[in-house]
Protein backbone atom coordinates (compact mmCIF):
# COMPACT_ATOMS: atom_id res chain seq x y z
CA MET A 1 103.53 141.98 118.96
CA LEU A 2 103.12 139.12 116.49
CA SER A 3 102.11 135.62 117.53
CA TYR A 4 103.75 132.52 116.03
CA GLY A 5 102.49 129.08 115.17
CA PHE A 6 105.17 126.46 114.54
CA LEU A 7 104.73 123.27 112.48
CA SER A 8 107.38 120.61 113.01
CA THR A 9 108.42 117.50 114.81
CA HIS A 10 108.95 118.59 118.40
CA PRO A 11 110.16 117.18 121.73
CA PRO A 12 109.79 114.62 123.12
CA THR A 13 110.54 113.46 119.55
CA ARG A 14 114.33 113.31 119.25
CA CYS A 15 115.60 114.51 115.91
CA GLY A 16 117.40 117.52 114.49
CA LEU A 17 114.22 119.29 113.34
CA ALA A 18 112.58 118.84 116.73
CA THR A 19 115.61 120.32 118.49
CA PHE A 20 115.80 123.21 116.03
CA ASN A 21 112.08 124.00 116.26
CA SER A 22 112.11 123.88 120.05
CA ALA A 23 115.04 126.29 120.25
CA LEU A 24 113.57 128.73 117.72
CA ALA A 25 110.11 128.68 119.30
CA THR A 26 111.58 129.17 122.78
CA GLN A 27 113.60 132.17 121.63
CA LEU A 28 110.80 133.84 119.63
CA THR A 29 108.40 133.59 122.58
CA ALA A 30 110.90 134.31 125.38
CA ASP A 31 109.56 137.85 125.91
CA GLY A 32 105.99 136.67 126.42
CA THR A 33 105.04 136.64 122.73
CA ARG A 34 102.17 134.21 122.15
CA GLY A 35 103.17 131.03 120.36
CA GLY A 36 102.02 127.48 119.84
CA ILE A 37 103.39 124.25 118.41
CA VAL A 38 101.55 122.09 115.89
CA ARG A 39 103.48 118.89 116.37
CA ILE A 40 103.81 116.27 113.63
CA THR A 41 104.16 112.72 114.99
CA ASP A 42 104.93 109.36 113.45
CA ARG A 43 104.63 105.74 114.50
CA GLY A 44 106.74 105.03 117.56
CA ASP A 45 106.89 108.63 118.80
CA ASP A 46 106.19 109.48 122.42
CA LEU A 47 102.73 111.02 122.02
CA ARG A 48 102.69 113.00 125.24
CA ALA A 49 102.17 116.68 124.40
CA GLY A 50 104.88 118.88 125.83
CA PRO A 51 104.51 122.51 126.91
CA GLY A 52 103.33 124.81 124.15
CA VAL A 53 101.84 122.10 121.92
CA VAL A 54 98.39 123.24 120.77
CA HIS A 55 97.67 120.49 118.25
CA THR A 56 99.14 117.15 117.16
CA TRP A 57 99.10 116.02 113.55
CA SER A 58 99.58 112.28 113.40
CA SER A 59 101.07 111.04 110.16
CA ARG A 60 98.49 108.24 110.26
CA THR A 61 95.53 110.65 110.26
CA GLN A 62 94.04 110.94 106.79
CA ALA A 63 93.87 114.58 105.66
CA GLY A 64 95.32 115.62 109.03
CA TRP A 65 96.67 118.71 107.33
CA ARG A 66 93.22 120.31 107.51
CA ASP A 67 93.07 120.52 111.31
CA ALA A 68 96.78 121.37 111.46
CA ALA A 69 96.20 124.35 109.15
CA THR A 70 93.25 125.48 111.25
CA ALA A 71 95.44 125.44 114.36
CA LEU A 72 98.17 127.48 112.64
CA ASN A 73 95.65 130.02 111.38
CA ALA A 74 95.01 131.04 115.00
CA PHE A 75 98.38 132.84 114.98
CA ASP A 76 99.72 135.82 113.03
CA VAL A 77 102.53 133.92 111.30
CA ALA A 78 103.13 130.21 110.63
CA VAL A 79 106.73 128.93 110.77
CA VAL A 80 106.95 125.58 108.98
CA GLN A 81 109.97 123.26 109.17
CA HIS A 82 110.43 121.32 105.92
CA GLU A 83 112.12 118.00 105.40
CA TYR A 84 110.90 115.45 102.86
CA GLY A 85 110.55 112.66 105.41
CA ILE A 86 108.45 114.15 108.20
CA TYR A 87 105.03 114.77 106.59
CA PRO A 88 102.58 112.15 105.28
CA GLY A 89 102.29 111.35 101.58
CA ALA A 90 104.93 110.63 98.97
CA ASP A 91 108.00 112.76 99.79
CA GLY A 92 105.92 114.48 102.47
CA GLU A 93 103.56 116.02 99.94
CA ASP A 94 100.75 116.61 102.47
CA VAL A 95 102.50 119.76 103.66
CA LEU A 96 101.53 121.41 100.36
CA PRO A 97 97.72 121.47 100.83
CA LEU A 98 98.36 122.69 104.38
CA LEU A 99 100.35 125.66 103.10
CA ARG A 100 97.63 126.46 100.56
CA ARG A 101 95.00 126.37 103.29
CA LEU A 102 96.79 128.88 105.50
CA THR A 103 95.21 132.33 105.77
CA VAL A 104 98.22 133.81 107.58
CA PRO A 105 101.70 134.49 106.17
CA SER A 106 104.06 131.52 106.28
CA ILE A 107 107.82 131.09 106.59
CA VAL A 108 109.05 127.70 105.39
CA VAL A 109 112.48 126.66 106.69
CA LEU A 110 114.24 124.35 104.23
CA HIS A 111 116.46 121.88 106.07
CA THR A 112 117.37 120.03 102.87
CA VAL A 113 117.84 121.25 99.31
CA LEU A 114 118.81 118.29 97.15
CA ARG A 115 121.31 118.70 94.35
CA ARG A 116 119.80 115.81 92.39
CA PRO A 117 116.14 115.59 93.42
CA SER A 118 113.69 113.23 91.80
CA ALA A 119 111.18 114.84 89.46
CA ARG A 120 108.54 114.56 92.22
CA GLN A 121 110.83 116.12 94.84
CA LYS A 122 111.77 119.00 92.54
CA SER A 123 108.17 119.76 91.61
CA LEU A 124 107.02 119.51 95.23
CA LEU A 125 109.67 121.89 96.53
CA GLU A 126 108.94 124.41 93.77
CA GLN A 127 105.24 124.34 94.68
CA ILE A 128 106.08 124.72 98.39
CA VAL A 129 108.16 127.84 97.66
CA THR A 130 105.31 129.23 95.55
CA ALA A 131 102.77 128.62 98.33
CA ALA A 132 104.98 130.03 101.10
CA GLY A 133 105.17 133.68 102.02
CA ALA A 134 108.95 133.31 102.36
CA VAL A 135 111.46 130.49 102.55
CA VAL A 136 114.62 130.33 104.63
CA THR A 137 117.80 128.44 103.83
CA MET A 138 120.49 128.21 106.47
CA THR A 139 123.50 128.51 104.18
CA ASP A 140 124.45 130.38 101.03
CA THR A 141 125.16 126.98 99.46
CA ALA A 142 121.55 125.92 99.95
CA ARG A 143 120.25 129.21 98.58
CA ASP A 144 122.45 128.96 95.48
CA ARG A 145 121.44 125.35 94.94
CA LEU A 146 117.76 126.33 95.21
CA LEU A 147 118.05 129.23 92.76
CA VAL A 148 120.10 127.28 90.21
CA GLY A 149 118.38 123.90 90.35
CA TYR A 150 114.75 124.87 90.91
CA THR A 151 112.31 127.34 89.40
CA VAL A 152 111.69 129.74 92.28
CA ARG A 153 111.46 133.49 92.77
CA PRO A 154 114.77 134.71 94.27
CA GLU A 155 113.12 137.44 96.31
CA LYS A 156 111.31 134.77 98.32
CA VAL A 157 114.55 133.26 99.62
CA THR A 158 116.31 134.53 102.74
CA VAL A 159 119.47 133.08 104.31
CA ILE A 160 119.37 132.86 108.12
CA PRO A 161 121.98 130.63 109.77
CA HIS A 162 121.16 127.71 112.02
CA GLY A 163 121.17 128.91 115.62
CA ALA A 164 123.48 127.76 118.38
CA ALA A 165 123.50 127.93 122.14
CA ASP A 166 126.06 130.18 123.82
CA GLN A 167 128.56 127.52 124.91
CA VAL A 168 131.62 129.77 125.03
CA ARG A 169 130.84 130.72 128.62
CA VAL A 170 130.59 127.09 129.70
CA PRO A 171 133.76 126.21 131.67
CA ALA A 172 136.13 124.10 129.57
CA ASP A 173 136.73 120.82 131.41
CA ARG A 174 140.08 119.98 129.89
CA ARG A 175 141.26 116.39 130.23
CA THR A 176 144.70 114.86 130.72
CA ARG A 177 144.55 113.23 127.27
CA PRO A 178 143.48 114.85 123.99
CA HIS A 179 139.71 114.49 123.59
CA LEU A 180 137.99 113.91 120.25
CA LEU A 181 134.20 114.20 120.06
CA THR A 182 131.40 113.26 117.69
CA TRP A 183 127.79 113.67 118.80
CA GLY A 184 124.28 113.44 117.39
CA LEU A 185 121.83 110.72 116.48
CA LEU A 186 123.71 107.71 115.10
CA GLY A 187 123.05 105.71 111.95
CA PRO A 188 124.59 104.68 108.64
CA GLY A 189 125.95 107.74 106.89
CA LYS A 190 127.33 109.36 110.04
CA GLY A 191 130.74 107.96 109.04
CA VAL A 192 131.87 107.18 112.60
CA GLU A 193 133.67 104.11 111.29
CA TRP A 194 136.11 106.42 109.49
CA SER A 195 136.84 108.24 112.75
CA LEU A 196 137.60 104.94 114.47
CA ARG A 197 140.03 104.08 111.69
CA ALA A 198 141.59 107.52 112.04
CA LEU A 199 141.91 107.02 115.80
CA ALA A 200 143.87 103.82 115.17
CA ARG A 201 146.37 105.87 113.16
CA LEU A 202 146.89 108.24 116.10
CA GLN A 203 148.04 105.65 118.62
CA ASP A 204 151.66 106.83 118.32
CA LEU A 205 150.78 110.15 119.98
CA ASP A 206 151.78 110.62 123.59
CA PRO A 207 149.41 110.84 125.32
CA THR A 208 147.05 108.95 123.02
CA PRO A 209 143.69 110.60 122.31
CA THR A 210 140.36 109.46 123.67
CA TYR A 211 137.23 109.56 121.52
CA THR A 212 133.67 110.16 122.72
CA ILE A 213 130.77 109.08 120.48
CA ALA A 214 127.71 110.62 122.11
CA GLY A 215 124.12 110.09 121.07
CA ARG A 216 121.43 107.51 120.69
CA THR A 217 120.72 105.68 117.47
CA HIS A 218 118.22 107.56 115.28
CA PRO A 219 114.68 106.27 116.01
CA LYS A 220 114.06 105.61 112.30
CA VAL A 221 117.22 103.51 112.15
CA VAL A 222 116.22 101.55 115.26
CA GLU A 223 112.79 100.91 113.73
CA HIS A 224 114.22 99.35 110.57
CA GLN A 225 117.67 98.05 111.56
CA GLY A 226 117.74 97.89 115.34
CA GLU A 227 121.17 98.64 116.83
CA ALA A 228 123.17 96.97 114.04
CA TYR A 229 125.13 100.13 113.22
CA ARG A 230 126.14 100.77 116.83
CA ALA A 231 127.08 97.11 117.31
CA GLY A 232 129.21 97.31 114.15
CA LEU A 233 131.09 100.30 115.59
CA HIS A 234 131.84 98.37 118.78
CA ARG A 235 133.17 95.42 116.75
CA LEU A 236 135.30 97.68 114.55
CA GLY A 237 136.80 99.46 117.56
CA ALA A 238 137.77 96.12 119.05
CA GLN A 239 139.27 94.90 115.76
CA LEU A 240 141.31 98.10 115.43
CA GLY A 241 142.58 97.85 119.01
CA VAL A 242 141.12 101.20 120.08
CA ALA A 243 138.11 100.05 122.10
CA HIS A 244 139.83 101.12 125.33
CA ALA A 245 140.03 104.71 124.05
CA VAL A 246 136.41 105.05 122.92
CA ASP A 247 133.54 106.17 125.15
CA TYR A 248 130.17 105.24 123.62
CA GLN A 249 127.57 107.41 125.36
CA ASN A 250 124.17 106.03 124.39
CA ASP A 251 122.38 109.07 125.81
CA TYR A 252 120.39 112.07 124.65
CA HIS A 253 122.14 114.98 126.38
CA ASP A 254 120.23 118.02 127.60
CA GLN A 255 121.65 121.43 126.70
CA ALA A 256 123.68 121.85 129.88
CA ALA A 257 125.30 118.40 129.64
CA LEU A 258 125.96 118.84 125.93
CA GLY A 259 127.60 122.20 126.53
CA ARG A 260 130.00 120.71 129.08
CA LEU A 261 130.80 117.82 126.74
CA ILE A 262 131.50 120.08 123.75
CA ARG A 263 133.74 122.37 125.78
CA SER A 264 135.75 119.38 127.01
CA ALA A 265 136.74 118.51 123.43
CA ASP A 266 140.00 119.42 121.75
CA VAL A 267 138.61 118.50 118.32
CA VAL A 268 135.06 117.90 117.11
CA VAL A 269 135.10 115.28 114.35
CA LEU A 270 132.29 115.23 111.74
CA PRO A 271 133.11 112.33 109.39
CA TYR A 272 129.77 112.34 107.55
CA ASP A 273 129.38 110.36 104.34
CA SER A 274 126.81 112.78 102.93
CA ARG A 275 127.71 114.96 99.98
CA GLU A 276 124.28 116.65 100.12
CA GLN A 277 124.13 118.06 103.65
CA VAL A 278 123.66 121.82 103.38
CA THR A 279 122.75 122.30 107.05
CA SER A 280 124.33 120.79 110.16
CA GLY A 281 123.25 121.90 113.59
CA VAL A 282 126.12 119.92 115.13
CA LEU A 283 128.63 121.82 113.01
CA ILE A 284 127.14 125.18 114.04
CA GLU A 285 127.16 124.21 117.74
CA ALA A 286 130.82 123.16 117.55
CA VAL A 287 131.91 126.31 115.74
CA ALA A 288 129.93 128.60 118.05
CA ALA A 289 131.52 126.88 121.06
CA GLY A 290 134.97 127.77 119.77
CA VAL A 291 136.17 124.17 119.37
CA PRO A 292 138.25 123.32 116.27
CA VAL A 293 136.42 121.06 113.81
CA VAL A 294 137.64 118.41 111.38
CA ALA A 295 134.90 117.53 108.90
CA THR A 296 134.44 115.77 105.62
CA ALA A 297 133.64 117.93 102.62
CA PHE A 298 129.85 118.06 102.93
CA PRO A 299 128.50 121.38 101.62
CA HIS A 300 127.87 123.12 104.94
CA ALA A 301 131.35 122.23 106.21
CA VAL A 302 133.00 123.49 103.02
CA GLU A 303 131.12 126.80 103.28
CA LEU A 304 131.72 127.39 106.98
CA LEU A 305 135.15 125.89 107.61
CA THR A 306 137.17 126.75 104.50
CA GLY A 307 139.53 129.48 105.64
CA GLY A 308 137.68 129.42 108.95
CA PRO A 309 137.51 127.58 112.26
CA GLY A 310 138.34 124.07 111.09
CA LEU A 311 139.81 121.72 108.52
CA VAL A 312 137.98 119.96 105.68
CA VAL A 313 139.07 116.52 104.44
CA PRO A 314 137.88 114.13 101.70
CA HIS A 315 135.07 111.68 102.40
CA GLN A 316 135.81 108.15 103.61
CA ASP A 317 139.54 108.86 103.96
CA PRO A 318 140.76 107.88 107.46
CA ALA A 319 144.36 108.82 106.63
CA ALA A 320 143.36 112.39 105.77
CA LEU A 321 141.08 112.52 108.82
CA ALA A 322 143.92 111.37 111.09
CA ASP A 323 146.40 113.83 109.55
CA ALA A 324 144.04 116.78 110.14
CA ILE A 325 143.39 115.75 113.74
CA ARG A 326 147.12 115.24 114.30
CA ARG A 327 147.85 118.74 113.03
CA ILE A 328 145.42 120.35 115.47
CA LEU A 329 146.74 118.30 118.39
CA THR A 330 150.44 118.74 117.67
CA GLU A 331 151.06 121.98 115.78
CA PRO A 332 151.65 124.86 118.18
CA ASP A 333 148.82 127.39 118.19
CA LEU A 334 146.93 125.85 115.23
CA GLY A 335 143.96 124.90 117.40
CA ALA A 336 143.92 128.33 119.00
CA ARG A 337 144.07 130.03 115.60
CA LEU A 338 141.21 127.93 114.28
CA ALA A 339 139.10 128.56 117.38
CA GLY A 340 139.90 132.27 117.19
CA ARG A 341 138.40 132.51 113.72
CA VAL A 342 134.93 131.85 115.14
CA ARG A 343 134.77 135.11 117.09
CA PRO A 344 133.54 137.24 114.15
CA LEU A 345 130.87 134.56 113.47
CA ALA A 346 129.77 133.68 116.98
CA ALA A 347 127.41 136.56 117.69
CA ASP A 348 125.48 135.97 114.45
CA LEU A 349 125.18 132.24 115.15
CA ARG A 350 123.65 132.43 118.61
CA TRP A 351 119.93 131.90 119.00
CA PRO A 352 118.95 135.45 120.09
CA ALA A 353 120.45 136.93 116.90
CA VAL A 354 119.02 134.18 114.69
CA ALA A 355 115.52 134.48 116.20
CA ALA A 356 115.63 138.27 115.77
CA ARG A 357 116.13 137.76 112.03
CA TYR A 358 113.11 135.44 111.88
CA GLY A 359 111.12 138.07 113.77
CA ALA A 360 112.15 140.78 111.32
CA LEU A 361 111.20 138.56 108.36
CA ALA A 362 107.81 137.83 109.92
CA GLU A 363 107.16 141.54 110.47
CA ARG A 364 107.98 142.28 106.82
CA LEU A 365 105.57 139.57 105.64
CA VAL A 366 102.74 140.85 107.83
CA ALA A 367 103.39 144.46 106.81
CA ALA A 368 103.38 143.54 103.12
CA ARG A 369 100.17 141.57 103.53
CA GLN A 370 98.16 144.29 105.26
CA PRO A 371 97.81 146.65 102.23
CA ALA A 372 96.78 143.70 100.07
CA VAL A 373 94.14 142.60 102.59
CA SER A 374 92.86 146.17 102.92
CA ALA A 375 92.60 146.56 99.15
CA ALA A 376 90.75 143.24 98.83
CA SER A 377 88.19 144.22 101.46
CA ALA A 378 87.64 147.76 100.11
């Protein structure tokens, strides 16, 4: 039975990588497998070590990658979450000497693969792939982008989807009015302003929809801009005359509360401005829960929703957003047909199946390494 060391942001830090890493680590160690978290922290993070954390790498510690690598080497396999902004150094470059210092096989999970990286970002990611035992992308789009835009060995790249909780069994708390939902950490680029403008175009429906915007402002946004984005959304809602229909939930929901909220929705709205986003945990959670999705044409949405369980619309186009939502709410059986298309996908998207694929990849890496180690010591 292999043991796993995980390098990532991690709760109580609140961000997408922390949530992902916590879910993956929990699933891979659910049967008693030994595991430990090497947690990366930044200024402003809650520094209390949660369960399973064996070492903390502060971004303010010079050459902190050395001790972090030592902690990971105590396990059979290191699972490293990669995003340019979470490690120290320019573009997070300090993760590279850590990978080179590892004596155990490593799996690097790429949460972002940029279509137009800077020269530094491109070089850094190519070196990370070279140093890693294997890399994982969560979509075919990300894999294709990596193979076309970067110099990497294709055999190192494996596609494993982002995992999702099993929300389908959560009772659906249907409301008397149609319920639209957007959730996740808020900040510029989330595009919620376009959803508010779309909501204003839906006021002729009877009954009129309600819209829940659930989630706290991203800590990095609060650090640099305070709550200006959230305040701007409140002002816009008032100007558009829809403030009475919008529920701003400035909370970080636990899994149970989030499941109930998702299942209460008639449509999940993802109005993101990004044209780069190749992975969205929110999108996966919505699809796996069987709720129809309306999303802008960011890469992950195009890959998952086209011909599937949702509708894709142009960016920053509230008229198109409103039309797609209107179709789901008013066309007989459209929502049910869209939700029904998730059934062939759902089993592969849930965390037990996703974690099993990471476990199989780890076993292949360890098995491939053993003959090489034996030959070296002979």
